[in-house]
Amino acid sequence: MNTNQLFAAVAISLAATGSAWAQEATIDSAPQAVSSQTRAQVQSNALAARSNGSLAQIDARVPGWTTTSSNTSRAAVRAETLRAIASGEAQLLDAEAYGFSTKSMMVAVGE
């Protein structure tokens, strides 16, 4: 087998392998939903259930978490953020989140 034949055999086998992996990953025959009610009937049933209180409510809260409210104004939070940026405190938080390093902490604090 000469070099040209070997090269042709390798090229054909690679082409066949590549086309085998090029298949789309889709479902050709997805199951179709069949309903006995029209869209308008479903919407009116949902509105009726909401108005009479029988619509099931989904509780998306995480167990153990409580909601809190803040008495701090938006301007005060903004001023505190700008102070943290000016003092270098914000960079320390970034150092913790993106590759914590005690050396960078000491340099930022001035030690």
N, C-alpha and C. Protein backbone atom coordinates (compact mmCIF):
# COMPACT_ATOMS: atom_id res chain seq x y z
N MET A 1 0.86 -1.16 0.00
CA MET A 1 0.00 0.00 0.00
C MET A 1 0.90 1.23 0.00
N ASN A 2 0.73 2.06 -1.00
CA ASN A 2 1.59 3.23 -1.05
C ASN A 2 1.02 4.38 -0.21
N THR A 3 1.73 5.49 -0.14
CA THR A 3 1.37 6.61 0.71
C THR A 3 0.04 7.24 0.31
N ASN A 4 -0.22 7.34 -0.97
CA ASN A 4 -1.47 7.95 -1.45
C ASN A 4 -2.67 7.10 -1.03
N GLN A 5 -2.55 5.79 -1.15
CA GLN A 5 -3.65 4.91 -0.75
C GLN A 5 -3.88 4.97 0.76
N LEU A 6 -2.79 5.01 1.53
CA LEU A 6 -2.91 5.10 2.99
C LEU A 6 -3.57 6.41 3.39
N PHE A 7 -3.15 7.50 2.76
CA PHE A 7 -3.73 8.81 3.05
C PHE A 7 -5.22 8.81 2.69
N ALA A 8 -5.59 8.23 1.57
CA ALA A 8 -6.99 8.18 1.15
C ALA A 8 -7.81 7.34 2.13
N ALA A 9 -7.28 6.23 2.61
CA ALA A 9 -7.99 5.36 3.55
C ALA A 9 -8.22 6.08 4.88
N VAL A 10 -7.20 6.79 5.35
CA VAL A 10 -7.33 7.54 6.60
C VAL A 10 -8.35 8.67 6.44
N ALA A 11 -8.32 9.38 5.33
CA ALA A 11 -9.24 10.48 5.08
C ALA A 11 -10.69 9.99 5.03
N ILE A 12 -10.92 8.87 4.40
CA ILE A 12 -12.28 8.31 4.32
C ILE A 12 -12.77 7.87 5.69
N SER A 13 -11.90 7.26 6.48
CA SER A 13 -12.32 6.80 7.80
C SER A 13 -12.60 7.99 8.72
N LEU A 14 -11.80 9.05 8.62
CA LEU A 14 -12.07 10.24 9.42
C LEU A 14 -13.36 10.93 9.00
N ALA A 15 -13.61 10.99 7.72
CA ALA A 15 -14.84 11.59 7.22
C ALA A 15 -16.06 10.80 7.70
N ALA A 16 -15.97 9.49 7.69
CA ALA A 16 -17.08 8.66 8.15
C ALA A 16 -17.30 8.84 9.64
N THR A 17 -16.23 8.94 10.41
CA THR A 17 -16.34 9.14 11.85
C THR A 17 -16.94 10.50 12.16
N GLY A 18 -16.50 11.54 11.44
CA GLY A 18 -17.03 12.89 11.66
C GLY A 18 -18.50 13.00 11.36
N SER A 19 -18.95 12.34 10.31
CA SER A 19 -20.38 12.42 9.97
C SER A 19 -21.23 11.65 10.96
N ALA A 20 -20.68 10.65 11.59
CA ALA A 20 -21.43 9.90 12.59
C ALA A 20 -21.68 10.75 13.82
N TRP A 21 -20.76 11.64 14.17
CA TRP A 21 -20.91 12.50 15.34
C TRP A 21 -21.69 13.77 15.02
N ALA A 22 -22.01 14.03 13.78
CA ALA A 22 -22.67 15.27 13.39
C ALA A 22 -24.19 15.21 13.50
N GLN A 23 -24.71 14.20 14.13
CA GLN A 23 -26.16 14.04 14.24
C GLN A 23 -26.73 15.02 15.25
N GLU A 24 -27.88 15.61 14.94
CA GLU A 24 -28.54 16.52 15.86
C GLU A 24 -29.14 15.77 17.02
N ALA A 25 -29.13 16.42 18.16
CA ALA A 25 -29.68 15.80 19.36
C ALA A 25 -31.09 16.33 19.61
N THR A 26 -32.00 16.03 18.72
CA THR A 26 -33.39 16.46 18.88
C THR A 26 -34.31 15.25 18.88
N ILE A 27 -35.44 15.43 19.49
CA ILE A 27 -36.44 14.36 19.50
C ILE A 27 -37.32 14.56 18.28
N ASP A 28 -37.41 13.54 17.47
CA ASP A 28 -38.18 13.66 16.24
C ASP A 28 -39.69 13.58 16.48
N SER A 29 -40.08 12.80 17.45
CA SER A 29 -41.51 12.62 17.66
C SER A 29 -41.86 12.95 19.11
N ALA A 30 -42.00 14.24 19.41
CA ALA A 30 -42.39 14.66 20.75
C ALA A 30 -43.87 14.36 20.95
N PRO A 31 -44.25 13.91 22.13
CA PRO A 31 -45.66 13.61 22.36
C PRO A 31 -46.49 14.90 22.32
N GLN A 32 -47.64 14.82 21.71
CA GLN A 32 -48.53 15.96 21.58
C GLN A 32 -49.54 15.95 22.72
N ALA A 33 -49.74 17.13 23.33
CA ALA A 33 -50.71 17.25 24.41
C ALA A 33 -52.11 17.37 23.81
N VAL A 34 -53.04 16.66 24.39
CA VAL A 34 -54.42 16.71 23.93
C VAL A 34 -55.28 17.24 25.07
N SER A 35 -56.08 18.26 24.79
CA SER A 35 -56.91 18.86 25.81
C SER A 35 -58.37 18.74 25.43
N SER A 36 -59.21 18.61 26.46
CA SER A 36 -60.65 18.53 26.19
C SER A 36 -61.30 19.90 26.30
N GLN A 37 -60.54 20.91 26.73
CA GLN A 37 -61.08 22.27 26.87
C GLN A 37 -60.35 23.22 25.93
N THR A 38 -61.03 24.28 25.58
CA THR A 38 -60.39 25.30 24.76
C THR A 38 -59.54 26.20 25.65
N ARG A 39 -58.72 27.01 25.04
CA ARG A 39 -57.87 27.94 25.78
C ARG A 39 -58.72 28.94 26.57
N ALA A 40 -59.80 29.42 25.97
CA ALA A 40 -60.69 30.37 26.65
C ALA A 40 -61.34 29.74 27.88
N GLN A 41 -61.73 28.45 27.78
CA GLN A 41 -62.33 27.77 28.93
C GLN A 41 -61.32 27.62 30.07
N VAL A 42 -60.09 27.29 29.74
CA VAL A 42 -59.05 27.14 30.76
C VAL A 42 -58.79 28.47 31.44
N GLN A 43 -58.73 29.55 30.64
CA GLN A 43 -58.49 30.88 31.21
C GLN A 43 -59.64 31.31 32.12
N SER A 44 -60.87 31.05 31.71
CA SER A 44 -62.01 31.45 32.55
C SER A 44 -62.06 30.61 33.83
N ASN A 45 -61.70 29.33 33.75
CA ASN A 45 -61.63 28.50 34.96
C ASN A 45 -60.55 29.00 35.92
N ALA A 46 -59.43 29.44 35.38
CA ALA A 46 -58.36 29.96 36.22
C ALA A 46 -58.78 31.26 36.89
N LEU A 47 -59.44 32.14 36.17
CA LEU A 47 -59.92 33.40 36.75
C LEU A 47 -60.96 33.13 37.84
N ALA A 48 -61.86 32.17 37.60
CA ALA A 48 -62.87 31.84 38.60
C ALA A 48 -62.22 31.26 39.85
N ALA A 49 -61.24 30.40 39.68
CA ALA A 49 -60.55 29.80 40.83
C ALA A 49 -59.78 30.86 41.61
N ARG A 50 -59.19 31.82 40.91
CA ARG A 50 -58.47 32.88 41.60
C ARG A 50 -59.43 33.75 42.39
N SER A 51 -60.59 34.06 41.82
CA SER A 51 -61.53 34.95 42.50
C SER A 51 -62.20 34.28 43.70
N ASN A 52 -62.45 32.96 43.65
CA ASN A 52 -63.10 32.32 44.79
C ASN A 52 -62.09 31.72 45.79
N GLY A 53 -60.78 31.88 45.52
CA GLY A 53 -59.76 31.44 46.47
C GLY A 53 -59.38 29.97 46.39
N SER A 54 -59.85 29.25 45.39
CA SER A 54 -59.52 27.83 45.31
C SER A 54 -58.29 27.55 44.45
N LEU A 55 -57.65 28.60 43.93
CA LEU A 55 -56.45 28.42 43.14
C LEU A 55 -55.29 28.07 44.06
N ALA A 56 -54.61 26.98 43.78
CA ALA A 56 -53.50 26.53 44.63
C ALA A 56 -52.36 27.52 44.54
N GLN A 57 -51.84 27.93 45.69
CA GLN A 57 -50.72 28.86 45.75
C GLN A 57 -49.44 28.06 45.97
N ILE A 58 -48.42 28.40 45.22
CA ILE A 58 -47.13 27.74 45.36
C ILE A 58 -46.25 28.61 46.25
N ASP A 59 -45.70 28.02 47.29
CA ASP A 59 -44.83 28.74 48.19
C ASP A 59 -43.40 28.52 47.74
N ALA A 60 -42.80 29.55 47.16
CA ALA A 60 -41.45 29.42 46.61
C ALA A 60 -40.38 29.83 47.62
N ARG A 61 -40.77 30.11 48.84
CA ARG A 61 -39.79 30.52 49.84
C ARG A 61 -38.97 29.32 50.31
N VAL A 62 -37.75 29.59 50.67
CA VAL A 62 -36.86 28.55 51.18
C VAL A 62 -37.14 28.39 52.67
N PRO A 63 -37.34 27.17 53.14
CA PRO A 63 -37.60 26.97 54.57
C PRO A 63 -36.46 27.53 55.42
N GLY A 64 -36.82 28.24 56.48
CA GLY A 64 -35.82 28.81 57.36
C GLY A 64 -35.41 30.23 57.01
N TRP A 65 -35.75 30.70 55.82
CA TRP A 65 -35.41 32.07 55.43
C TRP A 65 -36.55 32.98 55.82
N THR A 66 -36.21 34.14 56.26
CA THR A 66 -37.23 35.13 56.58
C THR A 66 -37.00 36.37 55.74
N THR A 67 -38.04 37.08 55.48
CA THR A 67 -37.90 38.32 54.73
C THR A 67 -37.61 39.45 55.70
N THR A 68 -36.83 40.39 55.25
CA THR A 68 -36.48 41.53 56.09
C THR A 68 -36.75 42.81 55.33
N SER A 69 -36.90 43.87 56.07
CA SER A 69 -37.04 45.17 55.45
C SER A 69 -35.95 46.06 55.99
N SER A 70 -35.59 47.07 55.23
CA SER A 70 -34.51 47.95 55.62
C SER A 70 -35.04 49.34 55.91
N ASN A 71 -34.46 49.98 56.89
CA ASN A 71 -34.81 51.36 57.20
C ASN A 71 -33.80 52.34 56.61
N THR A 72 -32.79 51.79 55.92
CA THR A 72 -31.75 52.62 55.32
C THR A 72 -32.21 53.12 53.95
N SER A 73 -32.01 54.39 53.71
CA SER A 73 -32.44 54.97 52.43
C SER A 73 -31.48 54.57 51.32
N ARG A 74 -31.94 54.73 50.10
CA ARG A 74 -31.11 54.41 48.94
C ARG A 74 -29.87 55.30 48.91
N ALA A 75 -30.03 56.56 49.26
CA ALA A 75 -28.90 57.50 49.27
C ALA A 75 -27.86 57.09 50.31
N ALA A 76 -28.31 56.60 51.47
CA ALA A 76 -27.37 56.18 52.50
C ALA A 76 -26.60 54.94 52.07
N VAL A 77 -27.27 54.01 51.42
CA VAL A 77 -26.59 52.80 50.93
C VAL A 77 -25.58 53.18 49.85
N ARG A 78 -25.95 54.09 48.97
CA ARG A 78 -25.03 54.54 47.92
C ARG A 78 -23.81 55.22 48.53
N ALA A 79 -24.01 56.07 49.54
CA ALA A 79 -22.89 56.76 50.19
C ALA A 79 -21.97 55.75 50.87
N GLU A 80 -22.55 54.74 51.51
CA GLU A 80 -21.74 53.71 52.17
C GLU A 80 -20.93 52.91 51.15
N THR A 81 -21.53 52.63 50.01
CA THR A 81 -20.82 51.91 48.95
C THR A 81 -19.66 52.73 48.42
N LEU A 82 -19.88 54.01 48.16
CA LEU A 82 -18.81 54.88 47.66
C LEU A 82 -17.69 55.01 48.69
N ARG A 83 -18.03 55.06 49.99
CA ARG A 83 -17.02 55.11 51.04
C ARG A 83 -16.19 53.83 51.05
N ALA A 84 -16.84 52.68 50.87
CA ALA A 84 -16.12 51.40 50.85
C ALA A 84 -15.19 51.32 49.65
N ILE A 85 -15.60 51.87 48.52
CA ILE A 85 -14.73 51.87 47.34
C ILE A 85 -13.53 52.76 47.57
N ALA A 86 -13.78 53.96 48.14
CA ALA A 86 -12.69 54.91 48.38
C ALA A 86 -11.70 54.39 49.41
N SER A 87 -12.16 53.68 50.42
CA SER A 87 -11.27 53.21 51.49
C SER A 87 -10.56 51.90 51.13
N GLY A 88 -10.97 51.24 50.06
CA GLY A 88 -10.35 49.98 49.66
C GLY A 88 -11.07 48.76 50.21
N GLU A 89 -12.12 48.97 50.99
CA GLU A 89 -12.85 47.85 51.56
C GLU A 89 -13.52 47.00 50.49
N ALA A 90 -14.00 47.64 49.43
CA ALA A 90 -14.65 46.90 48.34
C ALA A 90 -13.65 45.98 47.65
N GLN A 91 -12.39 46.42 47.51
CA GLN A 91 -11.38 45.58 46.89
C GLN A 91 -11.07 44.38 47.76
N LEU A 92 -11.15 44.55 49.08
CA LEU A 92 -10.95 43.41 49.97
C LEU A 92 -12.04 42.36 49.77
N LEU A 93 -13.28 42.82 49.56
CA LEU A 93 -14.37 41.88 49.31
C LEU A 93 -14.14 41.15 48.00
N ASP A 94 -13.65 41.87 46.98
CA ASP A 94 -13.34 41.23 45.71
C ASP A 94 -12.23 40.21 45.88
N ALA A 95 -11.23 40.52 46.73
CA ALA A 95 -10.13 39.58 46.95
C ALA A 95 -10.65 38.30 47.57
N GLU A 96 -11.64 38.40 48.46
CA GLU A 96 -12.21 37.21 49.06
C GLU A 96 -12.97 36.39 48.04
N ALA A 97 -13.74 37.08 47.20
CA ALA A 97 -14.60 36.36 46.24
C ALA A 97 -13.82 35.81 45.06
N TYR A 98 -12.77 36.50 44.64
CA TYR A 98 -12.06 36.11 43.43
C TYR A 98 -10.60 35.78 43.73
N GLY A 99 -10.37 34.72 44.48
CA GLY A 99 -9.01 34.28 44.72
C GLY A 99 -8.44 34.90 45.98
N PHE A 100 -9.00 34.56 47.09
CA PHE A 100 -8.58 35.09 48.37
C PHE A 100 -7.08 34.93 48.57
N SER A 101 -6.43 36.01 48.96
CA SER A 101 -5.00 35.98 49.21
C SER A 101 -4.70 36.84 50.43
N THR A 102 -4.03 36.27 51.43
CA THR A 102 -3.72 37.05 52.63
C THR A 102 -2.72 38.15 52.31
N LYS A 103 -1.86 37.94 51.32
CA LYS A 103 -0.90 38.97 50.94
C LYS A 103 -1.62 40.20 50.40
N SER A 104 -2.61 39.99 49.53
CA SER A 104 -3.36 41.13 49.00
C SER A 104 -4.15 41.82 50.09
N MET A 105 -4.62 41.05 51.07
CA MET A 105 -5.35 41.63 52.19
C MET A 105 -4.41 42.53 52.99
N MET A 106 -3.19 42.06 53.27
CA MET A 106 -2.25 42.84 54.07
C MET A 106 -1.82 44.11 53.34
N VAL A 107 -1.63 44.01 52.03
CA VAL A 107 -1.25 45.18 51.26
C VAL A 107 -2.37 46.20 51.25
N ALA A 108 -3.61 45.73 51.10
CA ALA A 108 -4.75 46.63 51.05
C ALA A 108 -4.98 47.31 52.39
N VAL A 109 -4.71 46.60 53.49
CA VAL A 109 -4.92 47.16 54.82
C VAL A 109 -3.75 48.07 55.19
N GLY A 110 -2.60 47.83 54.61
CA GLY A 110 -1.43 48.66 54.89
C GLY A 110 -0.48 48.04 55.88
N GLU A 111 -0.51 46.76 56.06
CA GLU A 111 0.40 46.07 56.99
C GLU A 111 1.65 45.62 56.29
